[in-house]
Structure formats: C-alpha cells, structure tokens
C-alpha cells in the first residue's frame, strides 16, 4: 500500500498546510501565534 500511503501523506500535508495558513490569517497576532508552542508544532 506504499502508493496509497504516499498519497495520504501528501493529502494530510496539504490539508494541514492550508489549516496553518488559515490560522495565520484569522489570528489577531499572527507572529505571536507562529512563535507559540502550537504554532511551531503546526
């Protein structure tokens, strides 16, 4: 199932990338969020 798992990896990566960008967009202080624990982990 390597090809399926590889596709799943990219699907989740793109999904989480969009989520990270949206979090920066809606945050009142984007820099503060980006430097926070969850921001760095994201």
ModelCIF file with pLDDT and N, C-alpha, C, O atoms, coordinates in Angstrom:
data_MODEL
#
_entry.id   MODEL 
#
_entity.id                         1 
_entity.type                       polymer 
_entity.pdbx_number_of_molecules   1 
#
_entity_poly.entity_id                      1 
_entity_poly.type                           'polypeptide(L)' 
_entity_poly.nstd_linkage                   no 
_entity_poly.nstd_monomer                   no 
_entity_poly.pdbx_seq_one_letter_code       
;(UNK)(UNK)(UNK)(UNK)(UNK)(UNK)(UNK)(UNK)(UNK)(UNK)(UNK)(UNK)(UNK)(UNK)(UNK)(UNK)
(UNK)(UNK)(UNK)(UNK)(UNK)(UNK)(UNK)(UNK)(UNK)(UNK)(UNK)(UNK)(UNK)(UNK)(UNK)(UNK)
(UNK)(UNK)(UNK)(UNK)(UNK)(UNK)(UNK)(UNK)(UNK)(UNK)
;
_entity_poly.pdbx_seq_one_letter_code_can   XXXXXXXXXXXXXXXXXXXXXXXXXXXXXXXXXXXXXXXXXX 
_entity_poly.pdbx_strand_id                 A 
#
loop_
_entity_poly_seq.entity_id 
_entity_poly_seq.num 
_entity_poly_seq.mon_id 
_entity_poly_seq.hetero 
1 1  UNK n 
1 2  UNK n 
1 3  UNK n 
1 4  UNK n 
1 5  UNK n 
1 6  UNK n 
1 7  UNK n 
1 8  UNK n 
1 9  UNK n 
1 10 UNK n 
1 11 UNK n 
1 12 UNK n 
1 13 UNK n 
1 14 UNK n 
1 15 UNK n 
1 16 UNK n 
1 17 UNK n 
1 18 UNK n 
1 19 UNK n 
1 20 UNK n 
1 21 UNK n 
1 22 UNK n 
1 23 UNK n 
1 24 UNK n 
1 25 UNK n 
1 26 UNK n 
1 27 UNK n 
1 28 UNK n 
1 29 UNK n 
1 30 UNK n 
1 31 UNK n 
1 32 UNK n 
1 33 UNK n 
1 34 UNK n 
1 35 UNK n 
1 36 UNK n 
1 37 UNK n 
1 38 UNK n 
1 39 UNK n 
1 40 UNK n 
1 41 UNK n 
1 42 UNK n 
#
_struct_asym.id          A 
_struct_asym.entity_id   1 
#
loop_
_ma_qa_metric.id 
_ma_qa_metric.mode 
_ma_qa_metric.name 
_ma_qa_metric.software_group_id 
_ma_qa_metric.type 
1 global pLDDT . pLDDT 
2 local  pLDDT . pLDDT 
#
_ma_qa_metric_global.metric_id      1 
_ma_qa_metric_global.metric_value   87.40 
_ma_qa_metric_global.model_id       1 
_ma_qa_metric_global.ordinal_id     1 
#
loop_
_ma_qa_metric_local.label_asym_id 
_ma_qa_metric_local.label_comp_id 
_ma_qa_metric_local.label_seq_id 
_ma_qa_metric_local.metric_id 
_ma_qa_metric_local.metric_value 
_ma_qa_metric_local.model_id 
_ma_qa_metric_local.ordinal_id 
A UNK 1  2 89.00 1 1  
A UNK 2  2 86.00 1 2  
A UNK 3  2 90.00 1 3  
A UNK 4  2 93.00 1 4  
A UNK 5  2 88.00 1 5  
A UNK 6  2 87.00 1 6  
A UNK 7  2 91.00 1 7  
A UNK 8  2 90.00 1 8  
A UNK 9  2 85.00 1 9  
A UNK 10 2 89.00 1 10 
A UNK 11 2 92.00 1 11 
A UNK 12 2 89.00 1 12 
A UNK 13 2 87.00 1 13 
A UNK 14 2 91.00 1 14 
A UNK 15 2 91.00 1 15 
A UNK 16 2 88.00 1 16 
A UNK 17 2 91.00 1 17 
A UNK 18 2 92.00 1 18 
A UNK 19 2 89.00 1 19 
A UNK 20 2 90.00 1 20 
A UNK 21 2 91.00 1 21 
A UNK 22 2 89.00 1 22 
A UNK 23 2 89.00 1 23 
A UNK 24 2 90.00 1 24 
A UNK 25 2 88.00 1 25 
A UNK 26 2 87.00 1 26 
A UNK 27 2 86.00 1 27 
A UNK 28 2 82.00 1 28 
A UNK 29 2 85.00 1 29 
A UNK 30 2 87.00 1 30 
A UNK 31 2 88.00 1 31 
A UNK 32 2 88.00 1 32 
A UNK 33 2 85.00 1 33 
A UNK 34 2 87.00 1 34 
A UNK 35 2 87.00 1 35 
A UNK 36 2 84.00 1 36 
A UNK 37 2 79.00 1 37 
A UNK 38 2 79.00 1 38 
A UNK 39 2 83.00 1 39 
A UNK 40 2 85.00 1 40 
A UNK 41 2 81.00 1 41 
A UNK 42 2 83.00 1 42 
#
loop_
_atom_site.group_PDB 
_atom_site.id 
_atom_site.type_symbol 
_atom_site.label_atom_id 
_atom_site.label_alt_id 
_atom_site.label_comp_id 
_atom_site.label_asym_id 
_atom_site.label_entity_id 
_atom_site.label_seq_id 
_atom_site.pdbx_PDB_ins_code 
_atom_site.Cartn_x 
_atom_site.Cartn_y 
_atom_site.Cartn_z 
_atom_site.occupancy 
_atom_site.B_iso_or_equiv 
_atom_site.pdbx_formal_charge 
_atom_site.auth_seq_id 
_atom_site.auth_comp_id 
_atom_site.auth_asym_id 
_atom_site.auth_atom_id 
_atom_site.pdbx_PDB_model_num 
ATOM 1   N N  . UNK A 1 1  ? 0.820  -1.222 0.000  1.00 89.00 ? 1  UNK A N  1 
ATOM 2   C CA . UNK A 1 1  ? 0.000  0.000  0.000  1.00 89.00 ? 1  UNK A CA 1 
ATOM 3   C C  . UNK A 1 1  ? 0.852  1.269  0.000  1.00 89.00 ? 1  UNK A C  1 
ATOM 4   O O  . UNK A 1 1  ? 0.376  2.333  0.395  1.00 89.00 ? 1  UNK A O  1 
ATOM 5   N N  . UNK A 1 2  ? 2.108  1.163  -0.441 1.00 86.00 ? 2  UNK A N  1 
ATOM 6   C CA . UNK A 1 2  ? 3.005  2.309  -0.400 1.00 86.00 ? 2  UNK A CA 1 
ATOM 7   C C  . UNK A 1 2  ? 2.481  3.512  -1.160 1.00 86.00 ? 2  UNK A C  1 
ATOM 8   O O  . UNK A 1 2  ? 2.573  4.639  -0.672 1.00 86.00 ? 2  UNK A O  1 
ATOM 9   N N  . UNK A 1 3  ? 1.934  3.294  -2.342 1.00 90.00 ? 3  UNK A N  1 
ATOM 10  C CA . UNK A 1 3  ? 1.442  4.410  -3.153 1.00 90.00 ? 3  UNK A CA 1 
ATOM 11  C C  . UNK A 1 3  ? 0.247  5.088  -2.498 1.00 90.00 ? 3  UNK A C  1 
ATOM 12  O O  . UNK A 1 3  ? 0.121  6.312  -2.535 1.00 90.00 ? 3  UNK A O  1 
ATOM 13  N N  . UNK A 1 4  ? -0.634 4.282  -1.894 1.00 93.00 ? 4  UNK A N  1 
ATOM 14  C CA . UNK A 1 4  ? -1.803 4.846  -1.216 1.00 93.00 ? 4  UNK A CA 1 
ATOM 15  C C  . UNK A 1 4  ? -1.365 5.653  0.009  1.00 93.00 ? 4  UNK A C  1 
ATOM 16  O O  . UNK A 1 4  ? -1.880 6.745  0.252  1.00 93.00 ? 4  UNK A O  1 
ATOM 17  N N  . UNK A 1 5  ? -0.435 5.125  0.761  1.00 88.00 ? 5  UNK A N  1 
ATOM 18  C CA . UNK A 1 5  ? 0.036  5.833  1.945  1.00 88.00 ? 5  UNK A CA 1 
ATOM 19  C C  . UNK A 1 5  ? 0.792  7.096  1.575  1.00 88.00 ? 5  UNK A C  1 
ATOM 20  O O  . UNK A 1 5  ? 0.727  8.096  2.290  1.00 88.00 ? 5  UNK A O  1 
ATOM 21  N N  . UNK A 1 6  ? 1.515  7.053  0.453  1.00 87.00 ? 6  UNK A N  1 
ATOM 22  C CA . UNK A 1 6  ? 2.229  8.248  -0.012 1.00 87.00 ? 6  UNK A CA 1 
ATOM 23  C C  . UNK A 1 6  ? 1.233  9.339  -0.400 1.00 87.00 ? 6  UNK A C  1 
ATOM 24  O O  . UNK A 1 6  ? 1.427  10.517 -0.100 1.00 87.00 ? 6  UNK A O  1 
ATOM 25  N N  . UNK A 1 7  ? 0.166  8.919  -1.073 1.00 91.00 ? 7  UNK A N  1 
ATOM 26  C CA . UNK A 1 7  ? -0.879 9.876  -1.444 1.00 91.00 ? 7  UNK A CA 1 
ATOM 27  C C  . UNK A 1 7  ? -1.552 10.445 -0.197 1.00 91.00 ? 7  UNK A C  1 
ATOM 28  O O  . UNK A 1 7  ? -1.842 11.639 -0.130 1.00 91.00 ? 7  UNK A O  1 
ATOM 29  N N  . UNK A 1 8  ? -1.800 9.577  0.796  1.00 90.00 ? 8  UNK A N  1 
ATOM 30  C CA . UNK A 1 8  ? -2.414 10.036 2.039  1.00 90.00 ? 8  UNK A CA 1 
ATOM 31  C C  . UNK A 1 8  ? -1.514 11.031 2.755  1.00 90.00 ? 8  UNK A C  1 
ATOM 32  O O  . UNK A 1 8  ? -1.990 12.010 3.328  1.00 90.00 ? 8  UNK A O  1 
ATOM 33  N N  . UNK A 1 9  ? -0.214 10.776 2.718  1.00 85.00 ? 9  UNK A N  1 
ATOM 34  C CA . UNK A 1 9  ? 0.740  11.686 3.359  1.00 85.00 ? 9  UNK A CA 1 
ATOM 35  C C  . UNK A 1 9  ? 0.658  13.077 2.744  1.00 85.00 ? 9  UNK A C  1 
ATOM 36  O O  . UNK A 1 9  ? 0.627  14.076 3.464  1.00 85.00 ? 9  UNK A O  1 
ATOM 37  N N  . UNK A 1 10 ? 0.625  13.145 1.416  1.00 89.00 ? 10 UNK A N  1 
ATOM 38  C CA . UNK A 1 10 ? 0.536  14.448 0.762  1.00 89.00 ? 10 UNK A CA 1 
ATOM 39  C C  . UNK A 1 10 ? -0.823 15.099 0.965  1.00 89.00 ? 10 UNK A C  1 
ATOM 40  O O  . UNK A 1 10 ? -0.919 16.321 1.076  1.00 89.00 ? 10 UNK A O  1 
ATOM 41  N N  . UNK A 1 11 ? -1.873 14.286 1.014  1.00 92.00 ? 11 UNK A N  1 
ATOM 42  C CA . UNK A 1 11 ? -3.208 14.834 1.274  1.00 92.00 ? 11 UNK A CA 1 
ATOM 43  C C  . UNK A 1 11 ? -3.250 15.525 2.637  1.00 92.00 ? 11 UNK A C  1 
ATOM 44  O O  . UNK A 1 11 ? -3.724 16.656 2.752  1.00 92.00 ? 11 UNK A O  1 
ATOM 45  N N  . UNK A 1 12 ? -2.754 14.840 3.663  1.00 89.00 ? 12 UNK A N  1 
ATOM 46  C CA . UNK A 1 12 ? -2.768 15.420 5.004  1.00 89.00 ? 12 UNK A CA 1 
ATOM 47  C C  . UNK A 1 12 ? -1.823 16.614 5.095  1.00 89.00 ? 12 UNK A C  1 
ATOM 48  O O  . UNK A 1 12 ? -2.117 17.585 5.792  1.00 89.00 ? 12 UNK A O  1 
ATOM 49  N N  . UNK A 1 13 ? -0.689 16.550 4.397  1.00 87.00 ? 13 UNK A N  1 
ATOM 50  C CA . UNK A 1 13 ? 0.258  17.659 4.429  1.00 87.00 ? 13 UNK A CA 1 
ATOM 51  C C  . UNK A 1 13 ? -0.359 18.916 3.829  1.00 87.00 ? 13 UNK A C  1 
ATOM 52  O O  . UNK A 1 13 ? -0.242 20.002 4.397  1.00 87.00 ? 13 UNK A O  1 
ATOM 53  N N  . UNK A 1 14 ? -1.012 18.769 2.685  1.00 91.00 ? 14 UNK A N  1 
ATOM 54  C CA . UNK A 1 14 ? -1.666 19.925 2.050  1.00 91.00 ? 14 UNK A CA 1 
ATOM 55  C C  . UNK A 1 14 ? -2.799 20.431 2.938  1.00 91.00 ? 14 UNK A C  1 
ATOM 56  O O  . UNK A 1 14 ? -2.995 21.638 3.081  1.00 91.00 ? 14 UNK A O  1 
ATOM 57  N N  . UNK A 1 15 ? -3.544 19.497 3.535  1.00 91.00 ? 15 UNK A N  1 
ATOM 58  C CA . UNK A 1 15 ? -4.642 19.882 4.428  1.00 91.00 ? 15 UNK A CA 1 
ATOM 59  C C  . UNK A 1 15 ? -4.128 20.679 5.616  1.00 91.00 ? 15 UNK A C  1 
ATOM 60  O O  . UNK A 1 15 ? -4.697 21.716 5.958  1.00 91.00 ? 15 UNK A O  1 
ATOM 61  N N  . UNK A 1 16 ? -3.056 20.206 6.250  1.00 88.00 ? 16 UNK A N  1 
ATOM 62  C CA . UNK A 1 16 ? -2.508 20.892 7.423  1.00 88.00 ? 16 UNK A CA 1 
ATOM 63  C C  . UNK A 1 16 ? -1.812 22.193 7.032  1.00 88.00 ? 16 UNK A C  1 
ATOM 64  O O  . UNK A 1 16 ? -1.773 23.138 7.820  1.00 88.00 ? 16 UNK A O  1 
ATOM 65  N N  . UNK A 1 17 ? -1.262 22.244 5.819  1.00 91.00 ? 17 UNK A N  1 
ATOM 66  C CA . UNK A 1 17 ? -0.665 23.495 5.352  1.00 91.00 ? 17 UNK A CA 1 
ATOM 67  C C  . UNK A 1 17 ? -1.727 24.566 5.199  1.00 91.00 ? 17 UNK A C  1 
ATOM 68  O O  . UNK A 1 17 ? -1.535 25.706 5.624  1.00 91.00 ? 17 UNK A O  1 
ATOM 69  N N  . UNK A 1 18 ? -2.859 24.198 4.586  1.00 92.00 ? 18 UNK A N  1 
ATOM 70  C CA . UNK A 1 18 ? -3.971 25.145 4.446  1.00 92.00 ? 18 UNK A CA 1 
ATOM 71  C C  . UNK A 1 18 ? -4.492 25.578 5.811  1.00 92.00 ? 18 UNK A C  1 
ATOM 72  O O  . UNK A 1 18 ? -4.827 26.743 6.023  1.00 92.00 ? 18 UNK A O  1 
ATOM 73  N N  . UNK A 1 19 ? -4.555 24.618 6.733  1.00 89.00 ? 19 UNK A N  1 
ATOM 74  C CA . UNK A 1 19 ? -5.030 24.952 8.078  1.00 89.00 ? 19 UNK A CA 1 
ATOM 75  C C  . UNK A 1 19 ? -4.090 25.944 8.749  1.00 89.00 ? 19 UNK A C  1 
ATOM 76  O O  . UNK A 1 19 ? -4.540 26.883 9.406  1.00 89.00 ? 19 UNK A O  1 
ATOM 77  N N  . UNK A 1 20 ? -2.779 25.738 8.585  1.00 90.00 ? 20 UNK A N  1 
ATOM 78  C CA . UNK A 1 20 ? -1.789 26.632 9.183  1.00 90.00 ? 20 UNK A CA 1 
ATOM 79  C C  . UNK A 1 20 ? -1.910 28.041 8.604  1.00 90.00 ? 20 UNK A C  1 
ATOM 80  O O  . UNK A 1 20 ? -1.841 29.029 9.335  1.00 90.00 ? 20 UNK A O  1 
ATOM 81  N N  . UNK A 1 21 ? -2.089 28.124 7.289  1.00 91.00 ? 21 UNK A N  1 
ATOM 82  C CA . UNK A 1 21 ? -2.233 29.430 6.639  1.00 91.00 ? 21 UNK A CA 1 
ATOM 83  C C  . UNK A 1 21 ? -3.496 30.129 7.120  1.00 91.00 ? 21 UNK A C  1 
ATOM 84  O O  . UNK A 1 21 ? -3.490 31.334 7.371  1.00 91.00 ? 21 UNK A O  1 
ATOM 85  N N  . UNK A 1 22 ? -4.582 29.368 7.248  1.00 89.00 ? 22 UNK A N  1 
ATOM 86  C CA . UNK A 1 22 ? -5.833 29.957 7.728  1.00 89.00 ? 22 UNK A CA 1 
ATOM 87  C C  . UNK A 1 22 ? -5.687 30.441 9.169  1.00 89.00 ? 22 UNK A C  1 
ATOM 88  O O  . UNK A 1 22 ? -6.207 31.499 9.522  1.00 89.00 ? 22 UNK A O  1 
ATOM 89  N N  . UNK A 1 23 ? -4.986 29.677 9.999  1.00 89.00 ? 23 UNK A N  1 
ATOM 90  C CA . UNK A 1 23 ? -4.761 30.102 11.382 1.00 89.00 ? 23 UNK A CA 1 
ATOM 91  C C  . UNK A 1 23 ? -3.991 31.420 11.429 1.00 89.00 ? 23 UNK A C  1 
ATOM 92  O O  . UNK A 1 23 ? -4.301 32.295 12.237 1.00 89.00 ? 23 UNK A O  1 
ATOM 93  N N  . UNK A 1 24 ? -2.985 31.560 10.558 1.00 90.00 ? 24 UNK A N  1 
ATOM 94  C CA . UNK A 1 24 ? -2.261 32.830 10.497 1.00 90.00 ? 24 UNK A CA 1 
ATOM 95  C C  . UNK A 1 24 ? -3.173 33.959 10.033 1.00 90.00 ? 24 UNK A C  1 
ATOM 96  O O  . UNK A 1 24 ? -3.064 35.088 10.511 1.00 90.00 ? 24 UNK A O  1 
ATOM 97  N N  . UNK A 1 25 ? -4.065 33.652 9.110  1.00 88.00 ? 25 UNK A N  1 
ATOM 98  C CA . UNK A 1 25 ? -4.946 34.676 8.543  1.00 88.00 ? 25 UNK A CA 1 
ATOM 99  C C  . UNK A 1 25 ? -5.957 35.184 9.566  1.00 88.00 ? 25 UNK A C  1 
ATOM 100 O O  . UNK A 1 25 ? -6.205 36.387 9.650  1.00 88.00 ? 25 UNK A O  1 
ATOM 101 N N  . UNK A 1 26 ? -6.538 34.281 10.338 1.00 87.00 ? 26 UNK A N  1 
ATOM 102 C CA . UNK A 1 26 ? -7.600 34.672 11.270 1.00 87.00 ? 26 UNK A CA 1 
ATOM 103 C C  . UNK A 1 26 ? -7.045 35.128 12.616 1.00 87.00 ? 26 UNK A C  1 
ATOM 104 O O  . UNK A 1 26 ? -7.769 35.735 13.405 1.00 87.00 ? 26 UNK A O  1 
ATOM 105 N N  . UNK A 1 27 ? -5.777 34.847 12.888 1.00 86.00 ? 27 UNK A N  1 
ATOM 106 C CA . UNK A 1 27 ? -5.211 35.218 14.180 1.00 86.00 ? 27 UNK A CA 1 
ATOM 107 C C  . UNK A 1 27 ? -5.085 36.725 14.300 1.00 86.00 ? 27 UNK A C  1 
ATOM 108 O O  . UNK A 1 27 ? -4.732 37.409 13.340 1.00 86.00 ? 27 UNK A O  1 
ATOM 109 N N  . UNK A 1 28 ? -5.381 37.240 15.499 1.00 82.00 ? 28 UNK A N  1 
ATOM 110 C CA . UNK A 1 28 ? -5.235 38.674 15.742 1.00 82.00 ? 28 UNK A CA 1 
ATOM 111 C C  . UNK A 1 28 ? -3.768 39.076 15.734 1.00 82.00 ? 28 UNK A C  1 
ATOM 112 O O  . UNK A 1 28 ? -3.422 40.182 15.317 1.00 82.00 ? 28 UNK A O  1 
ATOM 113 N N  . UNK A 1 29 ? -2.904 38.171 16.198 1.00 85.00 ? 29 UNK A N  1 
ATOM 114 C CA . UNK A 1 29 ? -1.471 38.417 16.209 1.00 85.00 ? 29 UNK A CA 1 
ATOM 115 C C  . UNK A 1 29 ? -0.776 37.226 15.542 1.00 85.00 ? 29 UNK A C  1 
ATOM 116 O O  . UNK A 1 29 ? -0.362 36.291 16.227 1.00 85.00 ? 29 UNK A O  1 
ATOM 117 N N  . UNK A 1 30 ? -0.647 37.252 14.229 1.00 87.00 ? 30 UNK A N  1 
ATOM 118 C CA . UNK A 1 30 ? -0.065 36.105 13.507 1.00 87.00 ? 30 UNK A CA 1 
ATOM 119 C C  . UNK A 1 30 ? 1.338  35.739 13.981 1.00 87.00 ? 30 UNK A C  1 
ATOM 120 O O  . UNK A 1 30 ? 1.661  34.558 14.104 1.00 87.00 ? 30 UNK A O  1 
ATOM 121 N N  . UNK A 1 31 ? 2.167  36.737 14.245 1.00 88.00 ? 31 UNK A N  1 
ATOM 122 C CA . UNK A 1 31 ? 3.542  36.458 14.672 1.00 88.00 ? 31 UNK A CA 1 
ATOM 123 C C  . UNK A 1 31 ? 3.539  35.770 16.030 1.00 88.00 ? 31 UNK A C  1 
ATOM 124 O O  . UNK A 1 31 ? 4.316  34.844 16.265 1.00 88.00 ? 31 UNK A O  1 
ATOM 125 N N  . UNK A 1 32 ? 2.666  36.223 16.920 1.00 88.00 ? 32 UNK A N  1 
ATOM 126 C CA . UNK A 1 32 ? 2.591  35.609 18.246 1.00 88.00 ? 32 UNK A CA 1 
ATOM 127 C C  . UNK A 1 32 ? 2.137  34.159 18.146 1.00 88.00 ? 32 UNK A C  1 
ATOM 128 O O  . UNK A 1 32 ? 2.652  33.293 18.854 1.00 88.00 ? 32 UNK A O  1 
ATOM 129 N N  . UNK A 1 33 ? 1.167  33.891 17.262 1.00 85.00 ? 33 UNK A N  1 
ATOM 130 C CA . UNK A 1 33 ? 0.726  32.511 17.074 1.00 85.00 ? 33 UNK A CA 1 
ATOM 131 C C  . UNK A 1 33 ? 1.835  31.665 16.467 1.00 85.00 ? 33 UNK A C  1 
ATOM 132 O O  . UNK A 1 33 ? 2.054  30.532 16.896 1.00 85.00 ? 33 UNK A O  1 
ATOM 133 N N  . UNK A 1 34 ? 2.541  32.206 15.468 1.00 87.00 ? 34 UNK A N  1 
ATOM 134 C CA . UNK A 1 34 ? 3.600  31.447 14.804 1.00 87.00 ? 34 UNK A CA 1 
ATOM 135 C C  . UNK A 1 34 ? 4.724  31.090 15.773 1.00 87.00 ? 34 UNK A C  1 
ATOM 136 O O  . UNK A 1 34 ? 5.391  30.072 15.588 1.00 87.00 ? 34 UNK A O  1 
ATOM 137 N N  . UNK A 1 35 ? 4.945  31.906 16.797 1.00 87.00 ? 35 UNK A N  1 
ATOM 138 C CA . UNK A 1 35 ? 6.023  31.665 17.754 1.00 87.00 ? 35 UNK A CA 1 
ATOM 139 C C  . UNK A 1 35 ? 5.553  30.874 18.976 1.00 87.00 ? 35 UNK A C  1 
ATOM 140 O O  . UNK A 1 35 ? 6.363  30.497 19.822 1.00 87.00 ? 35 UNK A O  1 
ATOM 141 N N  . UNK A 1 36 ? 4.241  30.622 19.068 1.00 84.00 ? 36 UNK A N  1 
ATOM 142 C CA . UNK A 1 36 ? 3.717  29.875 20.204 1.00 84.00 ? 36 UNK A CA 1 
ATOM 143 C C  . UNK A 1 36 ? 4.031  28.390 20.050 1.00 84.00 ? 36 UNK A C  1 
ATOM 144 O O  . UNK A 1 36 ? 4.490  27.952 18.995 1.00 84.00 ? 36 UNK A O  1 
ATOM 145 N N  . UNK A 1 37 ? 3.780  27.614 21.113 1.00 79.00 ? 37 UNK A N  1 
ATOM 146 C CA . UNK A 1 37 ? 4.083  26.181 21.083 1.00 79.00 ? 37 UNK A CA 1 
ATOM 147 C C  . UNK A 1 37 ? 3.327  25.498 19.954 1.00 79.00 ? 37 UNK A C  1 
ATOM 148 O O  . UNK A 1 37 ? 3.924  24.795 19.139 1.00 79.00 ? 37 UNK A O  1 
ATOM 149 N N  . UNK A 1 38 ? 2.004  25.704 19.902 1.00 79.00 ? 38 UNK A N  1 
ATOM 150 C CA . UNK A 1 38 ? 1.209  25.046 18.871 1.00 79.00 ? 38 UNK A CA 1 
ATOM 151 C C  . UNK A 1 38 ? 1.531  25.591 17.482 1.00 79.00 ? 38 UNK A C  1 
ATOM 152 O O  . UNK A 1 38 ? 1.448  24.858 16.497 1.00 79.00 ? 38 UNK A O  1 
ATOM 153 N N  . UNK A 1 39 ? 1.897  26.865 17.395 1.00 83.00 ? 39 UNK A N  1 
ATOM 154 C CA . UNK A 1 39 ? 2.270  27.416 16.101 1.00 83.00 ? 39 UNK A CA 1 
ATOM 155 C C  . UNK A 1 39 ? 3.513  26.761 15.540 1.00 83.00 ? 39 UNK A C  1 
ATOM 156 O O  . UNK A 1 39 ? 3.574  26.447 14.351 1.00 83.00 ? 39 UNK A O  1 
ATOM 157 N N  . UNK A 1 40 ? 4.511  26.551 16.395 1.00 85.00 ? 40 UNK A N  1 
ATOM 158 C CA . UNK A 1 40 ? 5.750  25.891 15.959 1.00 85.00 ? 40 UNK A CA 1 
ATOM 159 C C  . UNK A 1 40 ? 5.477  24.440 15.589 1.00 85.00 ? 40 UNK A C  1 
ATOM 160 O O  . UNK A 1 40 ? 5.978  23.947 14.578 1.00 85.00 ? 40 UNK A O  1 
ATOM 161 N N  . UNK A 1 41 ? 4.669  23.746 16.419 1.00 81.00 ? 41 UNK A N  1 
ATOM 162 C CA . UNK A 1 41 ? 4.337  22.346 16.128 1.00 81.00 ? 41 UNK A CA 1 
ATOM 163 C C  . UNK A 1 41 ? 3.559  22.241 14.820 1.00 81.00 ? 41 UNK A C  1 
ATOM 164 O O  . UNK A 1 41 ? 3.813  21.337 14.025 1.00 81.00 ? 41 UNK A O  1 
ATOM 165 N N  . UNK A 1 42 ? 2.612  23.156 14.586 1.00 83.00 ? 42 UNK A N  1 
ATOM 166 C CA . UNK A 1 42 ? 1.836  23.137 13.346 1.00 83.00 ? 42 UNK A CA 1 
ATOM 167 C C  . UNK A 1 42 ? 2.741  23.300 12.129 1.00 83.00 ? 42 UNK A C  1 
ATOM 168 O O  . UNK A 1 42 ? 2.258  23.308 10.997 1.00 83.00 ? 42 UNK A O  1 
#
